[in-house]
């Protein structure tokens, strides 16, 4: 059983910073792609950033230059450093891992439970 556990959300003022972490556990050999998505109230879930095991990254235009995604392959952990936060960044942030190579086989598109990020003064 593979689990993704996020941490690091909270309340921050506009212009502030937060760092999200997501650790994958459960007899994992490797993970192809890890990433972050977010969902604001009344809106669809949207991609924030992804990173491959080789370090290639992809960002939504709305966060380019403000957010940085990174990962530690040895720890099966992905991070999201969020700077210059804006009220429109307020959302539940979900960790995603795709093509998890584990003892039970390849697992596609696994999600964490989500962590709330609120940007408000």
N, C-alpha and C. Protein backbone atom coordinates (compact mmCIF):
# COMPACT_ATOMS: atom_id res chain seq x y z
N UNK A 1 0.85 -1.19 0.00
CA UNK A 1 0.00 0.00 0.00
C UNK A 1 0.89 1.23 0.00
N UNK A 2 0.74 2.06 -1.03
CA UNK A 2 1.52 3.29 -1.14
C UNK A 2 0.72 4.44 -0.56
N UNK A 3 1.39 5.26 0.22
CA UNK A 3 0.75 6.44 0.82
C UNK A 3 1.57 7.68 0.52
N UNK A 4 0.87 8.80 0.27
CA UNK A 4 1.50 10.10 0.12
C UNK A 4 1.00 10.97 1.26
N UNK A 5 1.92 11.55 2.01
CA UNK A 5 1.55 12.37 3.15
C UNK A 5 2.16 13.75 2.99
N UNK A 6 1.27 14.76 2.91
CA UNK A 6 1.72 16.15 2.76
C UNK A 6 1.85 16.82 4.11
N UNK A 7 2.67 17.86 4.15
CA UNK A 7 2.80 18.70 5.34
C UNK A 7 3.28 20.07 4.91
N UNK A 8 3.09 21.05 5.79
CA UNK A 8 3.64 22.38 5.55
C UNK A 8 2.65 23.46 5.19
N UNK A 9 1.38 23.12 5.05
CA UNK A 9 0.40 24.15 4.73
C UNK A 9 0.13 25.05 5.93
N UNK A 10 -0.67 26.09 5.70
CA UNK A 10 -1.01 27.00 6.78
C UNK A 10 -1.48 28.33 6.28
N UNK A 11 -1.52 29.29 7.21
CA UNK A 11 -1.96 30.65 6.92
C UNK A 11 -0.74 31.55 6.80
N UNK A 12 -0.68 32.34 5.74
CA UNK A 12 0.45 33.24 5.54
C UNK A 12 -0.07 34.54 4.93
N UNK A 13 0.62 35.63 5.23
CA UNK A 13 0.23 36.92 4.67
C UNK A 13 0.69 37.05 3.23
N UNK A 14 0.02 37.90 2.45
CA UNK A 14 0.48 38.14 1.08
C UNK A 14 1.95 38.58 1.06
N UNK A 15 2.69 38.01 0.12
CA UNK A 15 4.12 38.27 0.03
C UNK A 15 4.97 37.31 0.83
N UNK A 16 4.34 36.49 1.64
CA UNK A 16 5.07 35.55 2.47
C UNK A 16 5.44 34.27 1.75
N UNK A 17 6.02 33.34 2.51
CA UNK A 17 6.51 32.08 1.94
C UNK A 17 6.03 30.89 2.75
N UNK A 18 5.90 29.77 2.07
CA UNK A 18 5.62 28.49 2.71
C UNK A 18 6.36 27.41 1.94
N UNK A 19 6.67 26.32 2.64
CA UNK A 19 7.30 25.17 1.99
C UNK A 19 6.46 23.94 2.28
N UNK A 20 5.98 23.31 1.21
CA UNK A 20 5.22 22.08 1.33
C UNK A 20 6.14 20.88 1.11
N UNK A 21 5.85 19.81 1.83
CA UNK A 21 6.57 18.55 1.65
C UNK A 21 5.58 17.42 1.44
N UNK A 22 6.00 16.42 0.70
CA UNK A 22 5.16 15.24 0.48
C UNK A 22 6.07 14.02 0.44
N UNK A 23 5.83 13.10 1.35
CA UNK A 23 6.64 11.89 1.43
C UNK A 23 5.81 10.68 1.01
N UNK A 24 6.36 9.91 0.10
CA UNK A 24 5.70 8.68 -0.35
C UNK A 24 6.32 7.50 0.39
N UNK A 25 5.46 6.57 0.83
CA UNK A 25 5.94 5.42 1.57
C UNK A 25 5.23 4.15 1.11
N UNK A 26 5.89 2.99 1.35
CA UNK A 26 5.23 1.73 1.01
C UNK A 26 5.98 0.86 0.03
N UNK A 27 7.16 0.39 0.38
CA UNK A 27 7.92 -0.54 -0.47
C UNK A 27 8.11 0.00 -1.88
N UNK A 28 8.58 1.23 -1.97
CA UNK A 28 8.75 1.90 -3.25
C UNK A 28 10.19 1.76 -3.73
N UNK A 29 10.34 1.40 -5.02
CA UNK A 29 11.66 1.34 -5.62
C UNK A 29 12.02 2.67 -6.26
N UNK A 30 11.07 3.26 -7.00
CA UNK A 30 11.30 4.54 -7.65
C UNK A 30 9.96 5.14 -8.06
N UNK A 31 9.99 6.44 -8.36
CA UNK A 31 8.79 7.16 -8.80
C UNK A 31 9.18 8.00 -10.01
N UNK A 32 8.44 7.85 -11.12
CA UNK A 32 8.79 8.60 -12.32
C UNK A 32 8.56 10.10 -12.15
N UNK A 33 7.34 10.49 -11.89
CA UNK A 33 6.99 11.90 -11.80
C UNK A 33 6.26 12.20 -10.50
N UNK A 34 6.65 13.27 -9.86
CA UNK A 34 5.95 13.77 -8.67
C UNK A 34 5.54 15.21 -8.92
N UNK A 35 4.48 15.62 -8.28
CA UNK A 35 4.05 16.98 -8.54
C UNK A 35 3.05 17.48 -7.53
N UNK A 36 2.66 18.73 -7.73
CA UNK A 36 1.68 19.40 -6.89
C UNK A 36 0.56 19.94 -7.77
N UNK A 37 -0.66 19.75 -7.28
CA UNK A 37 -1.85 20.32 -7.88
C UNK A 37 -2.56 21.10 -6.79
N UNK A 38 -3.49 21.96 -7.19
CA UNK A 38 -4.26 22.69 -6.18
C UNK A 38 -5.70 22.85 -6.64
N UNK A 39 -6.56 23.02 -5.65
CA UNK A 39 -7.98 23.22 -5.94
C UNK A 39 -8.54 24.28 -5.01
N UNK A 40 -8.98 25.38 -5.61
CA UNK A 40 -9.61 26.46 -4.85
C UNK A 40 -11.11 26.20 -4.81
N UNK A 41 -11.80 26.78 -3.82
CA UNK A 41 -13.25 26.58 -3.71
C UNK A 41 -13.97 26.96 -5.00
N UNK A 42 -14.82 26.06 -5.49
CA UNK A 42 -15.59 26.33 -6.68
C UNK A 42 -14.84 26.21 -7.99
N UNK A 43 -13.58 25.78 -7.91
CA UNK A 43 -12.77 25.66 -9.13
C UNK A 43 -12.29 24.22 -9.31
N UNK A 44 -11.87 23.92 -10.53
CA UNK A 44 -11.33 22.59 -10.81
C UNK A 44 -9.89 22.49 -10.29
N UNK A 45 -9.48 21.27 -10.04
CA UNK A 45 -8.10 21.03 -9.63
C UNK A 45 -7.19 21.37 -10.81
N UNK A 46 -6.08 22.07 -10.51
CA UNK A 46 -5.17 22.49 -11.56
C UNK A 46 -3.74 22.14 -11.21
N UNK A 47 -2.93 21.96 -12.26
CA UNK A 47 -1.53 21.65 -12.06
C UNK A 47 -0.79 22.88 -11.54
N UNK A 48 0.09 22.66 -10.58
CA UNK A 48 0.97 23.72 -10.09
C UNK A 48 2.38 23.50 -10.64
N UNK A 49 2.93 22.31 -10.39
CA UNK A 49 4.28 22.01 -10.85
C UNK A 49 4.52 20.51 -10.80
N UNK A 50 5.37 20.01 -11.70
CA UNK A 50 5.77 18.62 -11.67
C UNK A 50 7.28 18.52 -11.84
N UNK A 51 7.81 17.37 -11.42
CA UNK A 51 9.25 17.12 -11.55
C UNK A 51 9.47 15.64 -11.80
N UNK A 52 10.31 15.32 -12.76
CA UNK A 52 10.61 13.92 -13.07
C UNK A 52 11.75 13.43 -12.18
N UNK A 53 11.99 12.14 -12.23
CA UNK A 53 13.07 11.57 -11.43
C UNK A 53 14.43 12.11 -11.88
N UNK A 54 14.49 12.55 -13.13
CA UNK A 54 15.74 13.13 -13.64
C UNK A 54 15.90 14.61 -13.36
N UNK A 55 14.85 15.21 -12.79
CA UNK A 55 14.94 16.62 -12.40
C UNK A 55 14.31 17.60 -13.37
N UNK A 56 13.67 17.12 -14.42
CA UNK A 56 13.00 18.03 -15.34
C UNK A 56 11.73 18.57 -14.69
N UNK A 57 11.52 19.87 -14.80
CA UNK A 57 10.40 20.52 -14.12
C UNK A 57 9.44 21.17 -15.11
N UNK A 58 8.21 21.34 -14.63
CA UNK A 58 7.17 22.00 -15.40
C UNK A 58 6.33 22.81 -14.43
N UNK A 59 6.02 24.06 -14.78
CA UNK A 59 5.27 24.94 -13.89
C UNK A 59 4.06 25.54 -14.60
N UNK A 60 3.02 25.78 -13.84
CA UNK A 60 1.92 26.58 -14.34
C UNK A 60 2.41 28.01 -14.51
N UNK A 61 1.90 28.70 -15.53
CA UNK A 61 2.34 30.07 -15.78
C UNK A 61 2.11 30.96 -14.57
N UNK A 62 1.05 30.69 -13.83
CA UNK A 62 0.67 31.56 -12.70
C UNK A 62 1.67 31.50 -11.54
N UNK A 63 2.54 30.48 -11.51
CA UNK A 63 3.47 30.34 -10.38
C UNK A 63 4.93 30.45 -10.81
N UNK A 64 5.18 30.55 -12.11
CA UNK A 64 6.56 30.65 -12.59
C UNK A 64 7.26 31.84 -11.98
N UNK A 65 8.49 31.61 -11.51
CA UNK A 65 9.26 32.67 -10.89
C UNK A 65 8.99 32.87 -9.42
N UNK A 66 7.93 32.24 -8.90
CA UNK A 66 7.59 32.37 -7.48
C UNK A 66 7.70 31.04 -6.74
N UNK A 67 7.35 29.95 -7.41
CA UNK A 67 7.37 28.62 -6.79
C UNK A 67 8.52 27.80 -7.36
N UNK A 68 9.09 26.95 -6.52
CA UNK A 68 10.15 26.04 -6.95
C UNK A 68 9.85 24.64 -6.45
N UNK A 69 9.83 23.69 -7.38
CA UNK A 69 9.61 22.30 -7.02
C UNK A 69 10.96 21.58 -7.00
N UNK A 70 11.13 20.68 -6.05
CA UNK A 70 12.35 19.88 -5.96
C UNK A 70 11.99 18.52 -5.37
N UNK A 71 12.92 17.59 -5.44
CA UNK A 71 12.64 16.27 -4.87
C UNK A 71 13.92 15.61 -4.40
N UNK A 72 13.73 14.69 -3.46
CA UNK A 72 14.83 13.87 -2.96
C UNK A 72 14.45 12.43 -3.32
N UNK A 73 15.07 11.89 -4.36
CA UNK A 73 14.69 10.55 -4.83
C UNK A 73 14.98 9.48 -3.78
N UNK A 74 16.02 9.65 -3.02
CA UNK A 74 16.36 8.65 -2.01
C UNK A 74 15.30 8.58 -0.92
N UNK A 75 14.62 9.69 -0.68
CA UNK A 75 13.59 9.75 0.36
C UNK A 75 12.18 9.69 -0.22
N UNK A 76 12.08 9.59 -1.55
CA UNK A 76 10.76 9.59 -2.21
C UNK A 76 9.92 10.77 -1.74
N UNK A 77 10.54 11.92 -1.69
CA UNK A 77 9.90 13.12 -1.16
C UNK A 77 9.98 14.24 -2.18
N UNK A 78 8.89 14.99 -2.31
CA UNK A 78 8.85 16.15 -3.19
C UNK A 78 8.52 17.37 -2.35
N UNK A 79 9.10 18.50 -2.75
CA UNK A 79 8.92 19.75 -2.02
C UNK A 79 8.38 20.82 -2.96
N UNK A 80 7.70 21.80 -2.37
CA UNK A 80 7.26 22.97 -3.12
C UNK A 80 7.56 24.20 -2.29
N UNK A 81 8.54 24.96 -2.71
CA UNK A 81 8.86 26.23 -2.06
C UNK A 81 8.03 27.31 -2.72
N UNK A 82 7.20 27.97 -1.94
CA UNK A 82 6.29 28.99 -2.46
C UNK A 82 6.68 30.34 -1.88
N UNK A 83 7.08 31.25 -2.74
CA UNK A 83 7.46 32.60 -2.33
C UNK A 83 6.51 33.62 -2.96
N UNK A 84 6.55 34.82 -2.43
CA UNK A 84 5.71 35.91 -2.96
C UNK A 84 4.27 35.46 -3.12
N UNK A 85 3.74 34.86 -2.09
CA UNK A 85 2.40 34.29 -2.17
C UNK A 85 1.35 35.38 -2.31
N UNK A 86 0.31 35.04 -3.07
CA UNK A 86 -0.79 35.96 -3.35
C UNK A 86 -2.09 35.34 -2.83
N UNK A 87 -3.09 36.17 -2.57
CA UNK A 87 -4.38 35.63 -2.12
C UNK A 87 -4.94 34.59 -3.11
N UNK A 88 -4.68 34.77 -4.39
CA UNK A 88 -5.20 33.80 -5.37
C UNK A 88 -4.48 32.46 -5.34
N UNK A 89 -3.44 32.34 -4.54
CA UNK A 89 -2.79 31.05 -4.33
C UNK A 89 -3.51 30.21 -3.28
N UNK A 90 -4.49 30.80 -2.63
CA UNK A 90 -5.25 30.08 -1.61
C UNK A 90 -5.97 28.89 -2.23
N UNK A 91 -5.73 27.71 -1.66
CA UNK A 91 -6.31 26.47 -2.19
C UNK A 91 -5.89 25.30 -1.31
N UNK A 92 -6.49 24.16 -1.57
CA UNK A 92 -5.98 22.91 -1.02
C UNK A 92 -4.95 22.38 -2.02
N UNK A 93 -3.76 22.10 -1.53
CA UNK A 93 -2.67 21.63 -2.37
C UNK A 93 -2.53 20.11 -2.21
N UNK A 94 -2.52 19.43 -3.35
CA UNK A 94 -2.46 17.97 -3.37
C UNK A 94 -1.14 17.50 -3.99
N UNK A 95 -0.53 16.56 -3.34
CA UNK A 95 0.65 15.90 -3.88
C UNK A 95 0.22 14.77 -4.82
N UNK A 96 0.96 14.60 -5.90
CA UNK A 96 0.67 13.53 -6.86
C UNK A 96 1.94 12.79 -7.21
N UNK A 97 1.82 11.49 -7.34
CA UNK A 97 2.95 10.67 -7.79
C UNK A 97 2.45 9.72 -8.87
N UNK A 98 3.13 9.71 -10.00
CA UNK A 98 2.70 8.89 -11.12
C UNK A 98 3.78 7.88 -11.49
N UNK A 99 3.35 6.69 -11.82
CA UNK A 99 4.25 5.58 -12.16
C UNK A 99 5.19 5.28 -10.99
N UNK A 100 4.58 4.83 -9.89
CA UNK A 100 5.32 4.41 -8.71
C UNK A 100 5.70 2.95 -8.89
N UNK A 101 7.00 2.68 -8.95
CA UNK A 101 7.48 1.31 -9.10
C UNK A 101 7.67 0.73 -7.69
N UNK A 102 6.81 -0.21 -7.35
CA UNK A 102 6.82 -0.75 -5.99
C UNK A 102 6.87 -2.28 -6.03
N UNK A 103 6.90 -2.87 -4.85
CA UNK A 103 6.96 -4.31 -4.74
C UNK A 103 5.72 -4.97 -5.35
N UNK A 104 4.59 -4.26 -5.35
CA UNK A 104 3.35 -4.84 -5.87
C UNK A 104 3.14 -4.52 -7.34
N UNK A 105 4.07 -3.81 -7.95
CA UNK A 105 3.95 -3.45 -9.35
C UNK A 105 4.01 -1.96 -9.57
N UNK A 106 3.53 -1.51 -10.73
CA UNK A 106 3.53 -0.09 -11.06
C UNK A 106 2.18 0.51 -10.70
N UNK A 107 2.22 1.58 -9.92
CA UNK A 107 1.00 2.27 -9.50
C UNK A 107 0.94 3.60 -10.21
N UNK A 108 -0.21 3.88 -10.80
CA UNK A 108 -0.38 5.11 -11.56
C UNK A 108 -1.18 6.12 -10.75
N UNK A 109 -0.78 7.39 -10.87
CA UNK A 109 -1.59 8.52 -10.44
C UNK A 109 -2.11 8.38 -9.01
N UNK A 110 -1.22 8.40 -8.05
CA UNK A 110 -1.59 8.33 -6.64
C UNK A 110 -1.61 9.74 -6.04
N UNK A 111 -2.57 9.97 -5.11
CA UNK A 111 -2.77 11.31 -4.56
C UNK A 111 -2.62 11.32 -3.03
N UNK A 112 -2.16 12.43 -2.52
CA UNK A 112 -2.17 12.67 -1.08
C UNK A 112 -3.52 13.20 -0.65
N UNK A 113 -3.66 13.45 0.65
CA UNK A 113 -4.95 13.86 1.20
C UNK A 113 -5.19 15.36 1.07
N UNK A 114 -4.14 16.11 0.77
CA UNK A 114 -4.28 17.55 0.60
C UNK A 114 -3.89 18.32 1.84
N UNK A 115 -3.36 19.52 1.63
CA UNK A 115 -3.03 20.43 2.73
C UNK A 115 -3.49 21.83 2.36
N UNK A 116 -4.11 22.51 3.31
CA UNK A 116 -4.69 23.83 3.04
C UNK A 116 -3.61 24.91 3.10
N UNK A 117 -3.61 25.76 2.07
CA UNK A 117 -2.78 26.95 2.05
C UNK A 117 -3.72 28.15 1.93
N UNK A 118 -3.62 29.06 2.89
CA UNK A 118 -4.45 30.26 2.90
C UNK A 118 -3.55 31.48 2.93
N UNK A 119 -3.73 32.36 1.95
CA UNK A 119 -2.95 33.59 1.86
C UNK A 119 -3.89 34.76 2.12
N UNK A 120 -3.72 35.39 3.26
CA UNK A 120 -4.64 36.44 3.66
C UNK A 120 -3.98 37.34 4.68
N UNK A 121 -4.38 38.61 4.65
CA UNK A 121 -3.88 39.55 5.65
C UNK A 121 -4.86 39.66 6.82
